[in-house]
Amino acid sequence: MARKRRVWIKGICALAVISLTVSSASVFAQSYDPDDELPVPTKLEKVMTKLGRGLSNLFLGVAEIPVTWDAKLKRGKPLSYLLTVAPVMGTTRAVMRMGIGVYEIATFAWPTNKQKNFEAILEPEYIF
């Protein structure tokens, strides 16, 4: 009796394994393309991004001076260049970044150019 029961249990287990194998064979993985999955940003998101970028440029624009100095130092410029030209270039970039920050804060809600209204004016978009 015990032998017939073992055969019966083995048959049920084999049938379960076969049915699971056959049923899962028809499952295919979903193809994933991150560009298709990204939602299109709404106008509110674009407006808030432009405002945040403008505030960042206005308040962190002064950081262009040490960032420019550090970039020139890493390129191996001589000390005389680092003490004379790099601070002038950094100050110029800082004034430019802060001016663009004021412009972006002033125009974040009104479209100035419908095609490029929410695009970054400076690259990189944020200083850090």
N, C-alpha and C. Protein backbone atom coordinates (compact mmCIF):
# COMPACT_ATOMS: atom_id res chain seq x y z
N MET A 1 0.81 -1.19 0.00
CA MET A 1 0.00 0.00 0.00
C MET A 1 0.86 1.26 0.00
N ALA A 2 1.92 1.21 0.79
CA ALA A 2 2.79 2.37 0.86
C ALA A 2 3.50 2.59 -0.46
N ARG A 3 3.79 1.50 -1.17
CA ARG A 3 4.46 1.61 -2.47
C ARG A 3 3.55 2.28 -3.49
N LYS A 4 2.27 1.93 -3.51
CA LYS A 4 1.32 2.55 -4.43
C LYS A 4 1.15 4.04 -4.11
N ARG A 5 1.20 4.34 -2.82
CA ARG A 5 1.05 5.75 -2.42
C ARG A 5 2.24 6.57 -2.89
N ARG A 6 3.45 6.03 -2.80
CA ARG A 6 4.66 6.74 -3.26
C ARG A 6 4.60 6.98 -4.76
N VAL A 7 4.18 5.99 -5.49
CA VAL A 7 4.05 6.13 -6.94
C VAL A 7 3.03 7.21 -7.26
N TRP A 8 1.93 7.20 -6.56
CA TRP A 8 0.87 8.19 -6.75
C TRP A 8 1.40 9.61 -6.47
N ILE A 9 2.15 9.82 -5.38
CA ILE A 9 2.71 11.13 -5.01
C ILE A 9 3.75 11.55 -6.04
N LYS A 10 4.59 10.61 -6.48
CA LYS A 10 5.59 10.94 -7.51
C LYS A 10 4.92 11.36 -8.81
N GLY A 11 3.82 10.69 -9.15
CA GLY A 11 3.09 11.05 -10.37
C GLY A 11 2.49 12.44 -10.28
N ILE A 12 1.94 12.79 -9.12
CA ILE A 12 1.37 14.14 -8.93
C ILE A 12 2.47 15.19 -8.97
N CYS A 13 3.59 14.91 -8.33
CA CYS A 13 4.71 15.87 -8.35
C CYS A 13 5.25 16.05 -9.77
N ALA A 14 5.38 14.94 -10.50
CA ALA A 14 5.86 15.05 -11.89
C ALA A 14 4.88 15.84 -12.74
N LEU A 15 3.59 15.62 -12.55
CA LEU A 15 2.58 16.37 -13.29
C LEU A 15 2.62 17.86 -12.94
N ALA A 16 2.84 18.17 -11.66
CA ALA A 16 2.93 19.58 -11.25
C ALA A 16 4.15 20.26 -11.86
N VAL A 17 5.28 19.56 -11.87
CA VAL A 17 6.50 20.13 -12.46
C VAL A 17 6.32 20.35 -13.96
N ILE A 18 5.75 19.40 -14.64
CA ILE A 18 5.52 19.53 -16.09
C ILE A 18 4.56 20.67 -16.39
N SER A 19 3.49 20.78 -15.60
CA SER A 19 2.52 21.84 -15.88
C SER A 19 3.11 23.22 -15.60
N LEU A 20 3.91 23.34 -14.56
CA LEU A 20 4.57 24.63 -14.29
C LEU A 20 5.58 24.98 -15.36
N THR A 21 6.30 23.99 -15.84
CA THR A 21 7.29 24.24 -16.90
C THR A 21 6.63 24.66 -18.19
N VAL A 22 5.59 23.99 -18.57
CA VAL A 22 4.88 24.30 -19.82
C VAL A 22 4.19 25.66 -19.72
N SER A 23 3.59 25.96 -18.59
CA SER A 23 2.86 27.23 -18.47
C SER A 23 3.81 28.42 -18.42
N SER A 24 5.02 28.23 -17.88
CA SER A 24 5.95 29.36 -17.82
C SER A 24 6.74 29.53 -19.11
N ALA A 25 6.68 28.57 -20.01
CA ALA A 25 7.41 28.68 -21.27
C ALA A 25 6.84 29.76 -22.16
N SER A 26 5.56 30.08 -21.99
CA SER A 26 4.95 31.09 -22.86
C SER A 26 5.13 32.51 -22.33
N VAL A 27 5.78 32.67 -21.22
CA VAL A 27 5.99 34.00 -20.63
C VAL A 27 7.24 34.61 -21.25
N PHE A 28 7.12 35.83 -21.75
CA PHE A 28 8.25 36.54 -22.33
C PHE A 28 8.56 37.77 -21.50
N ALA A 29 9.82 38.13 -21.45
CA ALA A 29 10.21 39.32 -20.70
C ALA A 29 9.78 40.57 -21.47
N GLN A 30 9.42 41.59 -20.71
CA GLN A 30 9.01 42.85 -21.32
C GLN A 30 10.26 43.59 -21.79
N SER A 31 10.22 44.10 -23.00
CA SER A 31 11.35 44.90 -23.47
C SER A 31 11.27 46.26 -22.78
N TYR A 32 12.43 46.76 -22.35
CA TYR A 32 12.46 47.99 -21.58
C TYR A 32 13.31 49.02 -22.30
N ASP A 33 12.71 50.12 -22.61
CA ASP A 33 13.41 51.25 -23.19
C ASP A 33 13.16 52.45 -22.28
N PRO A 34 14.18 52.94 -21.57
CA PRO A 34 13.94 54.00 -20.59
C PRO A 34 13.40 55.28 -21.23
N ASP A 35 13.70 55.51 -22.51
CA ASP A 35 13.20 56.72 -23.15
C ASP A 35 11.69 56.65 -23.36
N ASP A 36 11.18 55.45 -23.60
CA ASP A 36 9.74 55.30 -23.78
C ASP A 36 8.99 55.39 -22.45
N GLU A 37 9.65 55.00 -21.37
CA GLU A 37 8.99 54.94 -20.07
C GLU A 37 8.94 56.30 -19.37
N LEU A 38 9.78 57.24 -19.76
CA LEU A 38 9.81 58.52 -19.07
C LEU A 38 8.58 59.35 -19.41
N PRO A 39 7.91 59.88 -18.41
CA PRO A 39 6.75 60.73 -18.71
C PRO A 39 7.22 62.10 -19.20
N VAL A 40 6.42 62.71 -20.02
CA VAL A 40 6.73 64.04 -20.52
C VAL A 40 6.51 65.03 -19.37
N PRO A 41 7.50 65.90 -19.09
CA PRO A 41 7.33 66.84 -17.99
C PRO A 41 6.18 67.81 -18.26
N THR A 42 5.44 68.12 -17.23
CA THR A 42 4.34 69.06 -17.37
C THR A 42 4.89 70.48 -17.38
N LYS A 43 4.04 71.43 -17.72
CA LYS A 43 4.47 72.83 -17.76
C LYS A 43 4.86 73.29 -16.35
N LEU A 44 4.12 72.85 -15.34
CA LEU A 44 4.45 73.24 -13.97
C LEU A 44 5.83 72.73 -13.58
N GLU A 45 6.17 71.51 -13.96
CA GLU A 45 7.51 70.98 -13.67
C GLU A 45 8.59 71.79 -14.38
N LYS A 46 8.33 72.16 -15.62
CA LYS A 46 9.30 72.97 -16.36
C LYS A 46 9.47 74.34 -15.72
N VAL A 47 8.36 74.94 -15.31
CA VAL A 47 8.41 76.27 -14.68
C VAL A 47 9.19 76.20 -13.37
N MET A 48 8.93 75.17 -12.55
CA MET A 48 9.61 75.05 -11.27
C MET A 48 11.10 74.74 -11.47
N THR A 49 11.43 73.97 -12.50
CA THR A 49 12.84 73.70 -12.80
C THR A 49 13.56 74.98 -13.19
N LYS A 50 12.90 75.81 -13.99
CA LYS A 50 13.52 77.07 -14.41
C LYS A 50 13.69 78.01 -13.22
N LEU A 51 12.70 78.05 -12.33
CA LEU A 51 12.82 78.88 -11.13
C LEU A 51 13.95 78.38 -10.24
N GLY A 52 14.02 77.08 -10.02
CA GLY A 52 15.10 76.51 -9.20
C GLY A 52 16.47 76.74 -9.79
N ARG A 53 16.57 76.63 -11.11
CA ARG A 53 17.85 76.88 -11.77
C ARG A 53 18.24 78.35 -11.63
N GLY A 54 17.26 79.25 -11.74
CA GLY A 54 17.54 80.68 -11.58
C GLY A 54 17.99 81.01 -10.17
N LEU A 55 17.32 80.44 -9.16
CA LEU A 55 17.72 80.68 -7.78
C LEU A 55 19.11 80.12 -7.51
N SER A 56 19.38 78.94 -8.04
CA SER A 56 20.69 78.34 -7.88
C SER A 56 21.77 79.21 -8.51
N ASN A 57 21.52 79.68 -9.71
CA ASN A 57 22.51 80.52 -10.39
C ASN A 57 22.71 81.84 -9.66
N LEU A 58 21.63 82.41 -9.12
CA LEU A 58 21.75 83.69 -8.43
C LEU A 58 22.56 83.55 -7.14
N PHE A 59 22.23 82.55 -6.32
CA PHE A 59 22.86 82.45 -5.02
C PHE A 59 24.19 81.71 -5.03
N LEU A 60 24.41 80.84 -6.00
CA LEU A 60 25.66 80.09 -6.05
C LEU A 60 26.59 80.57 -7.16
N GLY A 61 26.24 81.65 -7.83
CA GLY A 61 27.07 82.16 -8.92
C GLY A 61 28.45 82.58 -8.46
N VAL A 62 28.56 83.04 -7.22
CA VAL A 62 29.86 83.48 -6.69
C VAL A 62 30.84 82.31 -6.62
N ALA A 63 30.33 81.10 -6.54
CA ALA A 63 31.19 79.92 -6.47
C ALA A 63 31.95 79.67 -7.77
N GLU A 64 31.61 80.40 -8.83
CA GLU A 64 32.36 80.25 -10.09
C GLU A 64 33.82 80.67 -9.92
N ILE A 65 34.10 81.58 -9.01
CA ILE A 65 35.49 82.05 -8.83
C ILE A 65 36.39 80.91 -8.37
N PRO A 66 36.10 80.22 -7.25
CA PRO A 66 36.98 79.11 -6.88
C PRO A 66 36.87 77.91 -7.82
N VAL A 67 35.71 77.70 -8.43
CA VAL A 67 35.57 76.57 -9.36
C VAL A 67 36.47 76.78 -10.58
N THR A 68 36.48 78.00 -11.11
CA THR A 68 37.34 78.31 -12.25
C THR A 68 38.81 78.21 -11.86
N TRP A 69 39.16 78.71 -10.68
CA TRP A 69 40.54 78.65 -10.22
C TRP A 69 40.98 77.20 -10.08
N ASP A 70 40.13 76.35 -9.52
CA ASP A 70 40.45 74.94 -9.35
C ASP A 70 40.59 74.23 -10.69
N ALA A 71 39.71 74.55 -11.64
CA ALA A 71 39.80 73.92 -12.97
C ALA A 71 41.11 74.29 -13.66
N LYS A 72 41.51 75.53 -13.54
CA LYS A 72 42.77 75.96 -14.17
C LYS A 72 43.97 75.35 -13.44
N LEU A 73 43.87 75.19 -12.12
CA LEU A 73 44.94 74.57 -11.36
C LEU A 73 45.11 73.11 -11.80
N LYS A 74 44.02 72.40 -12.00
CA LYS A 74 44.09 70.99 -12.41
C LYS A 74 44.60 70.83 -13.84
N ARG A 75 44.46 71.87 -14.65
CA ARG A 75 45.01 71.82 -16.02
C ARG A 75 46.51 72.12 -16.05
N GLY A 76 47.08 72.49 -14.90
CA GLY A 76 48.52 72.71 -14.82
C GLY A 76 48.96 74.10 -15.22
N LYS A 77 48.10 75.08 -15.05
CA LYS A 77 48.48 76.46 -15.39
C LYS A 77 49.49 76.96 -14.37
N PRO A 78 50.38 77.88 -14.76
CA PRO A 78 51.39 78.39 -13.82
C PRO A 78 50.77 79.28 -12.74
N LEU A 79 51.53 79.52 -11.68
CA LEU A 79 51.04 80.28 -10.54
C LEU A 79 50.68 81.71 -10.93
N SER A 80 51.45 82.32 -11.81
CA SER A 80 51.13 83.69 -12.23
C SER A 80 49.78 83.75 -12.92
N TYR A 81 49.46 82.75 -13.71
CA TYR A 81 48.16 82.67 -14.38
C TYR A 81 47.06 82.50 -13.34
N LEU A 82 47.31 81.63 -12.35
CA LEU A 82 46.30 81.37 -11.32
C LEU A 82 46.02 82.59 -10.46
N LEU A 83 47.02 83.44 -10.28
CA LEU A 83 46.83 84.62 -9.43
C LEU A 83 46.32 85.84 -10.19
N THR A 84 46.40 85.83 -11.51
CA THR A 84 45.96 87.02 -12.27
C THR A 84 44.77 86.73 -13.17
N VAL A 85 44.89 85.79 -14.05
CA VAL A 85 43.86 85.56 -15.06
C VAL A 85 42.68 84.75 -14.51
N ALA A 86 42.95 83.71 -13.75
CA ALA A 86 41.88 82.83 -13.27
C ALA A 86 40.84 83.57 -12.41
N PRO A 87 41.25 84.46 -11.49
CA PRO A 87 40.23 85.18 -10.73
C PRO A 87 39.38 86.12 -11.60
N VAL A 88 39.98 86.70 -12.61
CA VAL A 88 39.21 87.57 -13.51
C VAL A 88 38.21 86.74 -14.32
N MET A 89 38.65 85.59 -14.81
CA MET A 89 37.73 84.72 -15.55
C MET A 89 36.61 84.20 -14.63
N GLY A 90 36.96 83.83 -13.41
CA GLY A 90 35.97 83.36 -12.46
C GLY A 90 34.96 84.44 -12.10
N THR A 91 35.43 85.68 -11.92
CA THR A 91 34.54 86.79 -11.61
C THR A 91 33.61 87.07 -12.78
N THR A 92 34.15 87.01 -13.99
CA THR A 92 33.32 87.23 -15.18
C THR A 92 32.25 86.16 -15.29
N ARG A 93 32.63 84.92 -15.07
CA ARG A 93 31.64 83.83 -15.13
C ARG A 93 30.63 83.94 -14.00
N ALA A 94 31.06 84.41 -12.82
CA ALA A 94 30.14 84.57 -11.69
C ALA A 94 29.11 85.65 -11.99
N VAL A 95 29.55 86.78 -12.54
CA VAL A 95 28.62 87.86 -12.89
C VAL A 95 27.66 87.38 -13.98
N MET A 96 28.17 86.65 -14.95
CA MET A 96 27.32 86.13 -16.02
C MET A 96 26.29 85.14 -15.46
N ARG A 97 26.72 84.23 -14.59
CA ARG A 97 25.80 83.23 -14.03
C ARG A 97 24.74 83.89 -13.14
N MET A 98 25.14 84.89 -12.35
CA MET A 98 24.16 85.56 -11.50
C MET A 98 23.18 86.39 -12.33
N GLY A 99 23.66 87.02 -13.40
CA GLY A 99 22.77 87.76 -14.29
C GLY A 99 21.76 86.85 -14.96
N ILE A 100 22.20 85.70 -15.40
CA ILE A 100 21.28 84.74 -16.01
C ILE A 100 20.31 84.20 -14.97
N GLY A 101 20.76 84.07 -13.73
CA GLY A 101 19.87 83.66 -12.65
C GLY A 101 18.75 84.67 -12.43
N VAL A 102 19.09 85.95 -12.45
CA VAL A 102 18.08 87.01 -12.31
C VAL A 102 17.10 86.94 -13.49
N TYR A 103 17.62 86.75 -14.70
CA TYR A 103 16.76 86.65 -15.88
C TYR A 103 15.81 85.46 -15.78
N GLU A 104 16.33 84.31 -15.34
CA GLU A 104 15.48 83.13 -15.25
C GLU A 104 14.43 83.26 -14.15
N ILE A 105 14.78 83.92 -13.06
CA ILE A 105 13.79 84.15 -12.00
C ILE A 105 12.71 85.11 -12.50
N ALA A 106 13.11 86.13 -13.25
CA ALA A 106 12.15 87.12 -13.73
C ALA A 106 11.23 86.55 -14.81
N THR A 107 11.69 85.58 -15.57
CA THR A 107 10.90 85.10 -16.71
C THR A 107 10.45 83.65 -16.57
N PHE A 108 10.50 83.08 -15.36
CA PHE A 108 10.16 81.66 -15.25
C PHE A 108 8.68 81.39 -15.53
N ALA A 109 7.82 82.34 -15.28
CA ALA A 109 6.38 82.09 -15.45
C ALA A 109 5.86 82.50 -16.82
N TRP A 110 6.55 83.39 -17.50
CA TRP A 110 6.08 83.88 -18.80
C TRP A 110 6.96 83.33 -19.90
N PRO A 111 6.35 82.74 -20.91
CA PRO A 111 7.16 82.19 -22.01
C PRO A 111 7.78 83.30 -22.85
N THR A 112 9.09 83.31 -22.90
CA THR A 112 9.79 84.29 -23.73
C THR A 112 9.98 83.74 -25.14
N ASN A 113 10.23 82.46 -25.25
CA ASN A 113 10.36 81.78 -26.53
C ASN A 113 9.74 80.41 -26.34
N LYS A 114 8.65 80.14 -27.00
CA LYS A 114 7.88 78.92 -26.73
C LYS A 114 8.69 77.65 -26.99
N GLN A 115 9.62 77.69 -27.93
CA GLN A 115 10.40 76.49 -28.23
C GLN A 115 11.49 76.25 -27.20
N LYS A 116 12.14 77.31 -26.74
CA LYS A 116 13.31 77.15 -25.87
C LYS A 116 13.12 77.82 -24.52
N ASN A 117 11.91 78.08 -24.11
CA ASN A 117 11.67 78.83 -22.88
C ASN A 117 12.26 78.15 -21.65
N PHE A 118 12.20 76.85 -21.56
CA PHE A 118 12.61 76.16 -20.35
C PHE A 118 13.97 75.49 -20.48
N GLU A 119 14.68 75.74 -21.55
CA GLU A 119 16.01 75.17 -21.72
C GLU A 119 17.03 75.97 -20.91
N ALA A 120 18.11 75.30 -20.49
CA ALA A 120 19.17 75.98 -19.76
C ALA A 120 19.94 76.90 -20.69
N ILE A 121 20.28 78.06 -20.20
CA ILE A 121 21.07 79.02 -20.99
C ILE A 121 22.55 78.69 -20.86
N LEU A 122 22.99 78.37 -19.66
CA LEU A 122 24.39 78.05 -19.41
C LEU A 122 24.59 76.54 -19.30
N GLU A 123 25.75 76.09 -19.65
CA GLU A 123 26.17 74.71 -19.42
C GLU A 123 27.39 74.76 -18.53
N PRO A 124 27.46 74.04 -17.47
CA PRO A 124 26.47 73.12 -16.94
C PRO A 124 25.26 73.88 -16.38
N GLU A 125 24.16 73.19 -16.34
CA GLU A 125 22.90 73.79 -15.91
C GLU A 125 23.00 74.31 -14.47
N TYR A 126 23.61 73.54 -13.61
CA TYR A 126 23.85 73.93 -12.21
C TYR A 126 25.34 73.92 -11.97
N ILE A 127 25.81 74.79 -11.10
CA ILE A 127 27.26 74.92 -10.92
C ILE A 127 27.87 73.68 -10.26
N PHE A 128 27.14 73.03 -9.39
CA PHE A 128 27.68 71.83 -8.73
C PHE A 128 26.98 70.60 -9.21
